[in-house]
C-alpha atoms as a PDB file:
ATOM      1  CA  MET A   1      27.062 -17.035 -54.297  1.00  0.00           C
ATOM      2  CA  GLU A   2      25.124 -18.316 -51.312  1.00  0.00           C
ATOM      3  CA  ARG A   3      24.989 -21.788 -52.857  1.00  0.00           C
ATOM      4  CA  VAL A   4      28.753 -21.839 -53.281  1.00  0.00           C
ATOM      5  CA  GLY A   5      29.205 -20.864 -49.633  1.00  0.00           C
ATOM      6  CA  PHE A   6      26.830 -23.563 -48.453  1.00  0.00           C
ATOM      7  CA  ALA A   7      28.473 -26.159 -50.706  1.00  0.00           C
ATOM      8  CA  LEU A   8      31.890 -25.273 -49.302  1.00  0.00           C
ATOM      9  CA  TYR A   9      30.574 -25.464 -45.736  1.00  0.00           C
ATOM     10  CA  ALA A  10      28.961 -28.836 -46.421  1.00  0.00           C
ATOM     11  CA  ALA A  11      32.184 -30.156 -47.967  1.00  0.00           C
ATOM     12  CA  CYS A  12      34.178 -29.060 -44.909  1.00  0.00           C
ATOM     13  CA  VAL A  13      31.710 -30.665 -42.500  1.00  0.00           C
ATOM     14  CA  ASP A  14      31.756 -33.855 -44.579  1.00  0.00           C
ATOM     15  CA  PHE A  15      35.556 -33.878 -44.462  1.00  0.00           C
ATOM     16  CA  MET A  16      35.532 -33.434 -40.679  1.00  0.00           C
ATOM     17  CA  ILE A  17      33.010 -36.249 -40.226  1.00  0.00           C
ATOM     18  CA  ARG A  18      35.094 -38.581 -42.401  1.00  0.00           C
ATOM     19  CA  ALA A  19      38.260 -37.619 -40.517  1.00  0.00           C
ATOM     20  CA  ALA A  20      36.490 -38.320 -37.233  1.00  0.00           C
ATOM     21  CA  ASN A  21      35.375 -41.727 -38.447  1.00  0.00           C
ATOM     22  CA  LEU A  22      38.899 -42.564 -39.620  1.00  0.00           C
ATOM     23  CA  CYS A  23      40.363 -41.611 -36.244  1.00  0.00           C
ATOM     24  CA  GLY A  24      37.607 -43.304 -34.263  1.00  0.00           C
ATOM     25  CA  VAL A  25      36.530 -40.129 -32.479  1.00  0.00           C
ATOM     26  CA  THR A  26      33.539 -37.831 -32.660  1.00  0.00           C
ATOM     27  CA  TYR A  27      33.013 -34.877 -34.968  1.00  0.00           C
ATOM     28  CA  ARG A  28      33.224 -32.657 -31.929  1.00  0.00           C
ATOM     29  CA  ASP A  29      36.673 -34.007 -31.049  1.00  0.00           C
ATOM     30  CA  THR A  30      38.034 -33.427 -34.544  1.00  0.00           C
ATOM     31  CA  ASN A  31      36.530 -29.949 -34.626  1.00  0.00           C
ATOM     32  CA  ALA A  32      38.131 -29.129 -31.266  1.00  0.00           C
ATOM     33  CA  ALA A  33      41.479 -30.521 -32.438  1.00  0.00           C
ATOM     34  CA  MET A  34      41.326 -28.408 -35.548  1.00  0.00           C
ATOM     35  CA  PHE A  35      40.501 -25.167 -33.734  1.00  0.00           C
ATOM     36  CA  PHE A  36      42.643 -25.676 -30.621  1.00  0.00           C
ATOM     37  CA  LEU A  37      45.649 -27.520 -32.079  1.00  0.00           C
ATOM     38  CA  LEU A  38      45.894 -27.379 -35.858  1.00  0.00           C
ATOM     39  CA  TRP A  39      44.850 -23.767 -36.449  1.00  0.00           C
ATOM     40  CA  PRO A  40      47.241 -22.282 -33.820  1.00  0.00           C
ATOM     41  CA  ALA A  41      50.089 -24.500 -35.085  1.00  0.00           C
ATOM     42  CA  VAL A  42      49.565 -23.342 -38.674  1.00  0.00           C
ATOM     43  CA  THR A  43      49.314 -19.717 -37.524  1.00  0.00           C
ATOM     44  CA  LEU A  44      52.592 -19.983 -35.612  1.00  0.00           C
ATOM     45  CA  ALA A  45      54.272 -21.682 -38.570  1.00  0.00           C
ATOM     46  CA  LEU A  46      53.120 -18.923 -40.916  1.00  0.00           C
ATOM     47  CA  ALA A  47      54.329 -16.255 -38.484  1.00  0.00           C
ATOM     48  CA  ALA A  48      57.725 -17.991 -38.369  1.00  0.00           C
ATOM     49  CA  VAL A  49      57.875 -17.969 -42.172  1.00  0.00           C
ATOM     50  CA  VAL A  50      57.064 -14.246 -42.239  1.00  0.00           C
ATOM     51  CA  LEU A  51      59.790 -13.504 -39.695  1.00  0.00           C
ATOM     52  CA  TRP A  52      62.287 -15.652 -41.593  1.00  0.00           C
ATOM     53  CA  GLN A  53      61.448 -13.830 -44.812  1.00  0.00           C
ATOM     54  CA  ARG A  54      61.844 -10.469 -43.090  1.00  0.00           C
ATOM     55  CA  VAL A  55      65.319 -11.448 -41.888  1.00  0.00           C
ATOM     56  CA  ALA A  56      66.200 -12.635 -45.395  1.00  0.00           C
ATOM     57  CA  ILE A  57      65.022  -9.338 -46.917  1.00  0.00           C
ATOM     58  CA  VAL A  58      67.044  -7.307 -44.402  1.00  0.00           C
ATOM     59  CA  ARG A  59      70.137  -9.380 -45.204  1.00  0.00           C
ATOM     60  CA  LEU A  60      69.612  -8.909 -48.924  1.00  0.00           C
ATOM     61  CA  ARG A  61      69.212  -5.145 -48.551  1.00  0.00           C
ATOM     62  CA  ARG A  62      72.428  -4.914 -46.524  1.00  0.00           C
ATOM     63  CA  GLY A  63      74.264  -6.718 -49.271  1.00  0.00           C
ATOM     64  CA  ARG A  64      73.627  -3.929 -51.804  1.00  0.00           C
END
């Protein structure tokens, strides 16, 4: 299992390095963008989906 974890980590780091090279920035910049921009944006989007689903469920239950 440890090998799988390391392989996944290495694949993620490789992806980040390639993304950095494509954008013409450093690995550190892409890592910061991911953790300070992308991750919070995805978290907020998922929270919005959960709230939307909750409203939809409440509406469906009222319709019974």
